[in-house]
Amino acid sequence: MFNPKELWKKRLSAHLKVTGRYMRLMFNDHLAFALLFFVAVFAYYYQQWLQQIPANFPADWIMAIVFGSILTYSPIRTLLKKADMVFLLPVEQKLDSYFRSSMVYSLIIQVYILILAMAAFSPLYFAVYPEKDGKWLIYFFVLLFIYKGWNMLASWWMLKIRDAGARYMDSGIRFFLNVITIFFFLQEDAFWYAVITTAMFFGILAFDYSFAGRRKTILWDVLVEKEDARMQSFYRLANLFTDVPQLKQKVKKRSYLVSLLTNNISFQQRHAFPFLYRITFARSGDYTGLYIRLLLLAVFFVLWVPNIWAKYIFGLLFIYLSGFQLLTLWKHHRTIEWMDLYPVNDLERRQALFRFIRNLLVFKGITISVVFLFAVGLQEMILFLVLSIILIIGSLTYWNSRHIHLKK
């Protein structure tokens, strides 16, 4: 006899087993140390910045937008698979307890994210509004918890609507009401405005229920597609640290970037892998975005951190991380057997990879050096450029000698 509760337990156990295994591989000793260092340095300079924060700093608006985004984005982890569209269809009417369990699991995960965000923003708010006491945190958390539950219900009901435009419109309206309600709640004398916007949000919630919540049918293809997209996002993150066989590679055209990277490569046998690595970097959904994000983070910390030595550390750290993550280009096409038929030996292939990584890191080092010029001065820019070149040469030499990530 079919038991939906037992099915959920098995799915959740398998899900936690897979994610736990990849999390252990991702958060190894090196990454754990880097994260600990990053958090410690960020907390120190965050505290220093709070001591000299301007009186008119818009902390309430920043918090309202950030928390409003967290509240609005309320995905439901159903843990469904493609085969369920066939095998669970006959028992669709018996899955209420299964989906309730998925709602509870999703709520627990997202409340944890809310707690982390509160821990990060509470010092900022108390610095801007020192007259507030600790009870405010409890009231604020209760408000966020209630709104998170409401947003999750609205998200679940709207998943019964096939029109993606209607779902986006509903999310946009909820985001606006979430932001405005939190903003009013954070003010000294705007409590009743928050009550009014809460009533408006409850009206949107009632409309969502009447519009979609009463529909008993399940859009299996929509739920499976969204669940698969979330797992693929996790796999893409894990793939930066280890091999993920379940990852489905996404290819993007990006004609201009491909042309920029490959227009100076001649049509010769020895340029096969330089060409391949460049178009893989450009068209893959992983490498280009990661490279740009790490560059923007480096620029942010160079401009934001006041201590000159911390600027150097953060700038060099993000250059190193970029190179380390790009090493996975070596195994990006490992499942394509015809690549072994290329008349190019592993030494030339490895040299092509390291030359390309070197060029990317040098470009990133020069870009961050220009930021140093505007943020600090010419001498500091020259020193950082020299340090970055030393780091790039040393890292590439070490990686090449150890063959890190270059084993088939």
Protein backbone atom coordinates (compact mmCIF):
# COMPACT_ATOMS: atom_id res chain seq x y z
CA MET A 1 0.00 0.00 0.00
CA PHE A 2 1.30 3.46 -0.93
CA ASN A 3 2.57 5.51 2.04
CA PRO A 4 3.37 9.17 1.18
CA LYS A 5 5.07 9.79 4.53
CA GLU A 6 7.43 6.88 3.98
CA LEU A 7 8.16 8.12 0.46
CA TRP A 8 9.08 11.55 1.83
CA LYS A 9 11.39 10.04 4.43
CA LYS A 10 13.21 8.02 1.77
CA ARG A 11 13.50 11.02 -0.56
CA LEU A 12 14.73 13.30 2.21
CA SER A 13 17.26 10.72 3.42
CA ALA A 14 18.65 10.26 -0.11
CA HIS A 15 18.72 14.04 -0.66
CA LEU A 16 20.58 14.74 2.59
CA LYS A 17 23.03 11.94 1.84
CA VAL A 18 23.93 13.38 -1.56
CA THR A 19 24.14 17.01 -0.46
CA GLY A 20 26.04 16.06 2.70
CA ARG A 21 28.65 14.17 0.72
CA TYR A 22 29.27 17.10 -1.61
CA MET A 23 29.25 19.59 1.26
CA ARG A 24 32.03 17.64 2.97
CA LEU A 25 34.06 17.73 -0.23
CA MET A 26 33.39 21.43 -0.75
CA PHE A 27 34.18 22.57 2.79
CA ASN A 28 37.56 20.92 3.07
CA ASP A 29 40.36 22.17 5.28
CA HIS A 30 41.60 24.79 2.80
CA LEU A 31 38.19 26.28 2.11
CA ALA A 32 37.19 26.16 5.78
CA PHE A 33 40.32 28.09 6.71
CA ALA A 34 39.74 30.62 3.92
CA LEU A 35 36.11 31.13 5.02
CA LEU A 36 37.12 31.50 8.66
CA PHE A 37 39.72 34.08 7.69
CA PHE A 38 37.24 35.88 5.46
CA VAL A 39 34.54 36.01 8.14
CA ALA A 40 36.97 37.15 10.83
CA VAL A 41 38.41 39.96 8.70
CA PHE A 42 34.99 41.01 7.45
CA ALA A 43 33.58 41.09 11.01
CA TYR A 44 36.51 43.19 12.22
CA TYR A 45 36.19 45.83 9.52
CA TYR A 46 32.41 45.69 9.69
CA GLN A 47 32.64 46.65 13.35
CA GLN A 48 35.14 49.40 12.54
CA TRP A 49 32.84 50.78 9.85
CA LEU A 50 29.83 50.76 12.18
CA GLN A 51 31.67 53.01 14.62
CA GLN A 52 31.89 55.77 12.01
CA ILE A 53 28.68 55.18 10.10
CA PRO A 54 26.93 58.39 8.97
CA ALA A 55 23.82 59.40 10.86
CA ASN A 56 21.73 59.53 7.66
CA PHE A 57 22.82 56.10 6.39
CA PRO A 58 19.73 54.36 4.86
CA ALA A 59 19.98 51.21 6.96
CA ASP A 60 16.21 50.76 7.03
CA TRP A 61 15.89 50.77 3.24
CA ILE A 62 18.83 48.41 2.79
CA MET A 63 17.43 45.98 5.35
CA ALA A 64 13.94 46.23 3.86
CA ILE A 65 15.18 45.39 0.36
CA VAL A 66 17.43 42.54 1.50
CA PHE A 67 14.87 40.93 3.80
CA GLY A 68 12.10 41.58 1.29
CA SER A 69 14.09 39.65 -1.30
CA ILE A 70 14.66 36.77 1.11
CA LEU A 71 10.98 36.63 1.98
CA THR A 72 9.80 36.80 -1.61
CA TYR A 73 12.11 34.05 -2.81
CA SER A 74 10.42 31.09 -1.16
CA PRO A 75 11.09 27.94 -3.18
CA ILE A 76 9.43 24.67 -2.21
CA ARG A 77 11.81 21.70 -2.19
CA THR A 78 9.56 18.87 -3.38
CA LEU A 79 12.43 16.42 -4.16
CA LEU A 80 10.41 15.15 -7.10
CA LYS A 81 11.99 13.30 -10.02
CA LYS A 82 11.05 12.98 -13.67
CA ALA A 83 9.79 9.43 -13.22
CA ASP A 84 7.25 10.71 -10.68
CA MET A 85 5.23 12.24 -13.52
CA VAL A 86 4.36 8.66 -14.48
CA PHE A 87 4.56 6.55 -11.34
CA LEU A 88 3.02 8.99 -8.83
CA LEU A 89 0.26 10.22 -11.11
CA PRO A 90 -2.21 7.49 -10.06
CA VAL A 91 -1.80 8.44 -6.37
CA GLU A 92 -1.82 12.19 -6.89
CA GLN A 93 -4.78 12.68 -4.53
CA LYS A 94 -2.91 10.97 -1.68
CA LEU A 95 0.16 13.24 -1.72
CA ASP A 96 -1.11 15.98 0.61
CA SER A 97 1.04 14.79 3.51
CA TYR A 98 4.05 14.49 1.20
CA PHE A 99 3.79 18.11 0.10
CA ARG A 100 3.13 19.30 3.66
CA SER A 101 6.38 17.67 4.70
CA SER A 102 8.16 19.38 1.81
CA MET A 103 6.75 22.73 2.97
CA VAL A 104 8.00 22.16 6.52
CA TYR A 105 11.44 21.15 5.27
CA SER A 106 11.63 24.20 2.98
CA LEU A 107 10.52 26.50 5.82
CA ILE A 108 13.23 25.18 8.15
CA ILE A 109 15.95 25.82 5.58
CA GLN A 110 14.73 29.33 4.78
CA VAL A 111 14.26 30.32 8.42
CA TYR A 112 17.91 29.42 8.94
CA ILE A 113 18.80 31.86 6.15
CA LEU A 114 16.67 34.53 7.84
CA ILE A 115 18.52 33.99 11.12
CA LEU A 116 21.88 34.42 9.38
CA ALA A 117 20.67 37.61 7.72
CA MET A 118 19.41 38.96 11.05
CA ALA A 119 22.76 38.20 12.68
CA ALA A 120 24.49 40.15 9.91
CA PHE A 121 22.20 43.19 9.89
CA SER A 122 21.34 43.57 13.58
CA PRO A 123 24.61 45.40 14.43
CA LEU A 124 23.93 47.81 11.57
CA TYR A 125 20.44 48.61 12.78
CA PHE A 126 21.50 49.07 16.40
CA ALA A 127 24.28 51.37 15.24
CA VAL A 128 21.80 53.57 13.39
CA TYR A 129 19.05 53.27 16.05
CA PRO A 130 20.88 52.83 19.39
CA GLU A 131 17.68 53.45 21.36
CA LYS A 132 16.27 50.07 20.29
CA ASP A 133 16.50 47.19 22.77
CA GLY A 134 16.83 43.42 22.40
CA LYS A 135 13.06 42.87 22.35
CA TRP A 136 13.01 44.43 18.92
CA LEU A 137 14.88 41.39 17.55
CA ILE A 138 12.17 39.06 18.82
CA TYR A 139 9.37 41.14 17.30
CA PHE A 140 11.25 41.46 14.03
CA PHE A 141 11.92 37.73 13.85
CA VAL A 142 8.24 36.95 14.51
CA LEU A 143 7.27 39.31 11.69
CA LEU A 144 9.77 37.70 9.31
CA PHE A 145 8.69 34.18 10.29
CA ILE A 146 5.01 34.93 9.66
CA TYR A 147 5.73 36.63 6.35
CA LYS A 148 8.00 33.79 5.26
CA GLY A 149 5.19 31.31 5.91
CA TRP A 150 2.74 33.45 3.95
CA ASN A 151 5.15 33.84 1.05
CA MET A 152 5.73 30.10 0.93
CA LEU A 153 2.00 29.46 0.80
CA ALA A 154 1.62 31.98 -2.01
CA SER A 155 4.53 30.41 -3.90
CA TRP A 156 3.00 26.95 -3.55
CA TRP A 157 -0.43 28.05 -4.70
CA MET A 158 1.02 29.88 -7.70
CA LEU A 159 2.86 26.72 -8.74
CA LYS A 160 -0.57 25.42 -9.78
CA ILE A 161 -0.72 28.15 -12.44
CA ARG A 162 1.02 27.32 -15.70
CA ASP A 163 1.32 30.94 -16.84
CA ALA A 164 4.85 32.01 -15.84
CA GLY A 165 3.93 35.68 -16.35
CA ALA A 166 1.25 35.43 -13.66
CA ARG A 167 3.74 33.87 -11.26
CA TYR A 168 6.27 36.64 -11.91
CA MET A 169 3.63 39.32 -11.41
CA ASP A 170 2.57 37.76 -8.13
CA SER A 171 6.19 37.65 -6.96
CA GLY A 172 6.69 41.30 -7.92
CA ILE A 173 3.63 42.43 -5.95
CA ARG A 174 4.67 40.37 -2.93
CA PHE A 175 8.21 41.76 -3.10
CA PHE A 176 6.88 45.32 -3.05
CA LEU A 177 4.60 44.64 -0.08
CA ASN A 178 7.35 42.76 1.78
CA VAL A 179 9.79 45.65 1.38
CA ILE A 180 7.29 48.35 2.34
CA THR A 181 6.04 46.42 5.38
CA ILE A 182 9.56 45.82 6.72
CA PHE A 183 10.48 49.46 6.08
CA PHE A 184 7.46 50.70 8.03
CA PHE A 185 8.15 48.23 10.84
CA LEU A 186 11.69 49.53 11.22
CA GLN A 187 10.49 53.11 11.62
CA GLU A 188 9.73 54.73 14.94
CA ASP A 189 6.23 56.01 14.19
CA ALA A 190 4.98 54.01 11.20
CA PHE A 191 3.55 50.93 12.92
CA TRP A 192 0.02 51.47 11.62
CA TYR A 193 1.33 51.78 8.07
CA ALA A 194 2.87 48.33 8.54
CA VAL A 195 -0.52 47.05 9.68
CA ILE A 196 -2.15 48.45 6.53
CA THR A 197 0.43 46.87 4.21
CA THR A 198 0.06 43.60 6.12
CA ALA A 199 -3.67 43.68 5.46
CA MET A 200 -2.92 44.32 1.78
CA PHE A 201 -0.53 41.37 1.73
CA PHE A 202 -3.17 39.17 3.34
CA GLY A 203 -5.53 40.25 0.58
CA ILE A 204 -3.00 39.14 -2.05
CA LEU A 205 -2.67 35.86 -0.18
CA ALA A 206 -6.44 35.35 -0.23
CA PHE A 207 -6.54 36.17 -3.93
CA ASP A 208 -3.78 33.63 -4.65
CA TYR A 209 -5.72 30.98 -2.78
CA SER A 210 -8.95 31.71 -4.59
CA PHE A 211 -7.15 31.95 -7.94
CA ALA A 212 -4.97 28.86 -7.70
CA GLY A 213 -5.10 27.25 -4.27
CA ARG A 214 -8.41 25.47 -4.82
CA ARG A 215 -7.11 23.68 -7.88
CA LYS A 216 -6.50 20.06 -6.96
CA THR A 217 -4.43 19.11 -9.98
CA ILE A 218 -0.65 19.20 -9.79
CA LEU A 219 1.51 20.63 -12.56
CA TRP A 220 4.03 17.80 -12.44
CA ASP A 221 6.23 19.16 -15.21
CA VAL A 222 6.54 22.57 -13.48
CA LEU A 223 7.41 21.07 -10.08
CA VAL A 224 9.93 18.62 -11.56
CA GLU A 225 11.53 21.35 -13.68
CA LYS A 226 11.98 23.69 -10.73
CA GLU A 227 13.31 20.94 -8.45
CA ASP A 228 15.77 19.85 -11.12
CA ALA A 229 16.90 23.48 -11.63
CA ARG A 230 17.65 23.87 -7.91
CA MET A 231 19.62 20.63 -7.77
CA GLN A 232 21.57 21.65 -10.86
CA SER A 233 22.43 24.96 -9.18
CA PHE A 234 23.81 23.03 -6.23
CA TYR A 235 25.70 20.66 -8.53
CA ARG A 236 27.26 23.59 -10.41
CA LEU A 237 28.50 24.99 -7.11
CA ALA A 238 29.84 21.62 -6.01
CA ASN A 239 31.46 21.07 -9.40
CA LEU A 240 33.81 23.95 -8.66
CA PHE A 241 35.40 21.77 -5.97
CA THR A 242 34.94 18.18 -7.13
CA ASP A 243 33.57 16.04 -9.96
CA VAL A 244 29.77 15.91 -10.10
CA PRO A 245 28.49 13.21 -12.52
CA GLN A 246 24.88 14.40 -12.15
CA LEU A 247 25.70 17.87 -13.49
CA LYS A 248 24.03 18.81 -16.76
CA GLN A 249 26.21 21.25 -18.62
CA LYS A 250 24.52 24.33 -20.03
CA VAL A 251 26.00 25.97 -23.11
CA LYS A 252 25.46 29.65 -23.91
CA LYS A 253 26.26 31.19 -27.26
CA ARG A 254 28.02 34.42 -26.17
CA SER A 255 29.26 35.15 -29.67
CA TYR A 256 31.01 38.41 -28.81
CA LEU A 257 32.98 36.91 -25.93
CA VAL A 258 33.95 33.86 -28.00
CA SER A 259 35.11 36.11 -30.83
CA LEU A 260 37.12 38.26 -28.42
CA LEU A 261 38.90 35.24 -26.94
CA THR A 262 39.53 33.28 -30.14
CA ASN A 263 40.07 35.80 -32.95
CA ASN A 264 43.87 35.68 -32.54
CA ILE A 265 44.14 31.86 -32.62
CA SER A 266 45.33 30.43 -35.92
CA PHE A 267 43.90 27.25 -37.42
CA GLN A 268 46.68 24.85 -36.45
CA GLN A 269 46.88 21.50 -34.72
CA ARG A 270 48.80 22.82 -31.73
CA HIS A 271 46.06 25.37 -31.08
CA ALA A 272 43.29 22.79 -30.65
CA PHE A 273 43.19 22.90 -26.86
CA PRO A 274 43.84 26.66 -26.50
CA PHE A 275 40.76 27.16 -28.68
CA LEU A 276 38.75 24.56 -26.77
CA TYR A 277 39.56 25.98 -23.33
CA ARG A 278 38.68 29.50 -24.42
CA ILE A 279 35.29 28.65 -25.89
CA THR A 280 34.57 26.43 -22.87
CA PHE A 281 35.32 29.35 -20.55
CA ALA A 282 33.10 31.64 -22.61
CA ARG A 283 30.13 29.35 -23.27
CA SER A 284 29.90 27.36 -20.07
CA GLY A 285 27.47 28.62 -17.47
CA ASP A 286 30.05 28.29 -14.68
CA TYR A 287 33.44 29.78 -15.41
CA THR A 288 32.68 33.22 -16.82
CA GLY A 289 30.20 34.07 -14.07
CA LEU A 290 32.56 32.85 -11.36
CA TYR A 291 35.45 34.83 -12.80
CA ILE A 292 33.39 38.03 -12.92
CA ARG A 293 31.91 37.54 -9.43
CA LEU A 294 35.33 37.05 -7.86
CA LEU A 295 36.60 40.13 -9.68
CA LEU A 296 33.70 42.23 -8.39
CA LEU A 297 34.25 40.94 -4.85
CA ALA A 298 37.93 41.85 -5.06
CA VAL A 299 37.05 45.36 -6.27
CA PHE A 300 34.48 45.74 -3.48
CA PHE A 301 36.91 44.79 -0.70
CA VAL A 302 39.74 46.90 -2.11
CA LEU A 303 37.43 49.91 -2.09
CA TRP A 304 35.67 49.14 1.21
CA VAL A 305 38.37 47.82 3.56
CA PRO A 306 40.30 50.75 5.10
CA ASN A 307 43.51 48.92 6.02
CA ILE A 308 46.03 48.85 3.16
CA TRP A 309 47.41 45.41 4.05
CA ALA A 310 43.91 43.95 4.15
CA LYS A 311 43.37 45.38 0.66
CA TYR A 312 46.45 43.51 -0.52
CA ILE A 313 45.31 40.28 1.14
CA PHE A 314 41.81 40.37 -0.32
CA GLY A 315 43.03 41.32 -3.79
CA LEU A 316 45.59 38.50 -3.86
CA LEU A 317 43.15 36.03 -2.29
CA PHE A 318 40.56 36.47 -5.03
CA ILE A 319 43.21 36.18 -7.74
CA TYR A 320 44.33 32.88 -6.23
CA LEU A 321 40.75 31.60 -5.90
CA SER A 322 40.04 32.45 -9.54
CA GLY A 323 43.02 30.44 -10.73
CA PHE A 324 42.25 27.51 -8.46
CA GLN A 325 38.68 27.26 -9.69
CA LEU A 326 39.71 27.54 -13.35
CA LEU A 327 41.80 24.39 -12.98
CA THR A 328 38.60 22.40 -13.36
CA LEU A 329 38.66 23.28 -17.07
CA TRP A 330 41.03 20.32 -17.42
CA LYS A 331 38.27 17.83 -16.66
CA HIS A 332 35.34 19.74 -18.13
CA HIS A 333 35.17 17.47 -21.21
CA ARG A 334 36.28 14.29 -19.49
CA THR A 335 33.21 12.34 -20.59
CA ILE A 336 33.81 13.04 -24.30
CA GLU A 337 35.85 10.12 -25.59
CA TRP A 338 36.76 11.61 -28.94
CA MET A 339 38.97 14.17 -27.21
CA ASP A 340 41.46 11.34 -26.61
CA LEU A 341 41.78 11.03 -30.39
CA TYR A 342 43.27 14.50 -30.71
CA PRO A 343 46.91 14.20 -31.91
CA VAL A 344 47.99 16.42 -28.99
CA ASN A 345 49.86 15.02 -26.00
CA ASP A 346 49.04 15.81 -22.37
CA LEU A 347 52.03 18.10 -21.96
CA GLU A 348 50.85 20.44 -24.73
CA ARG A 349 47.33 20.25 -23.39
CA ARG A 350 48.46 21.16 -19.87
CA GLN A 351 50.61 24.02 -21.17
CA ALA A 352 47.63 25.38 -23.10
CA LEU A 353 45.51 25.33 -19.95
CA PHE A 354 48.10 27.09 -17.79
CA ARG A 355 48.81 29.74 -20.42
CA PHE A 356 45.11 30.54 -20.62
CA ILE A 357 44.74 30.67 -16.82
CA ARG A 358 47.84 32.86 -16.62
CA ASN A 359 46.36 35.35 -19.10
CA LEU A 360 43.08 35.52 -17.19
CA LEU A 361 44.82 36.03 -13.86
CA VAL A 362 47.14 38.69 -15.27
CA PHE A 363 44.13 40.56 -16.64
CA LYS A 364 42.43 40.33 -13.24
CA GLY A 365 45.62 41.49 -11.50
CA ILE A 366 45.90 44.50 -13.81
CA THR A 367 42.23 45.38 -13.28
CA ILE A 368 42.54 45.25 -9.49
CA SER A 369 45.76 47.26 -9.72
CA VAL A 370 43.87 50.04 -11.52
CA VAL A 371 41.37 49.99 -8.65
CA PHE A 372 44.30 50.39 -6.25
CA LEU A 373 45.42 53.44 -8.23
CA PHE A 374 42.09 55.20 -7.69
CA ALA A 375 41.51 53.90 -4.14
CA VAL A 376 44.99 54.43 -2.65
CA GLY A 377 47.74 55.67 -4.96
CA LEU A 378 50.40 54.93 -7.56
CA GLN A 379 52.95 53.31 -5.25
CA GLU A 380 50.38 50.93 -3.77
CA MET A 381 49.23 50.05 -7.29
CA ILE A 382 52.76 49.15 -8.38
CA LEU A 383 53.35 47.08 -5.24
CA PHE A 384 50.11 45.15 -5.71
CA LEU A 385 50.91 44.53 -9.37
CA VAL A 386 54.32 43.10 -8.42
CA LEU A 387 52.79 40.94 -5.68
CA SER A 388 50.08 39.67 -7.99
CA ILE A 389 52.64 38.68 -10.65
CA ILE A 390 54.68 36.83 -8.03
CA LEU A 391 51.53 35.07 -6.77
CA ILE A 392 50.45 34.08 -10.29
CA ILE A 393 53.87 32.67 -11.23
CA GLY A 394 54.23 30.84 -7.91
CA SER A 395 50.71 29.39 -7.99
CA LEU A 396 50.96 28.17 -11.58
CA THR A 397 54.34 26.61 -10.91
CA TYR A 398 53.04 24.83 -7.83
CA TRP A 399 49.84 23.61 -9.52
CA ASN A 400 51.77 22.42 -12.56
CA SER A 401 54.35 20.56 -10.48
CA ARG A 402 51.72 18.86 -8.32
CA HIS A 403 49.30 18.26 -11.22
CA ILE A 404 46.47 19.44 -9.00
CA HIS A 405 43.07 18.68 -10.56
CA LEU A 406 44.83 17.37 -13.68
CA LYS A 407 44.32 13.66 -13.16
CA LYS A 408 41.91 11.96 -15.48
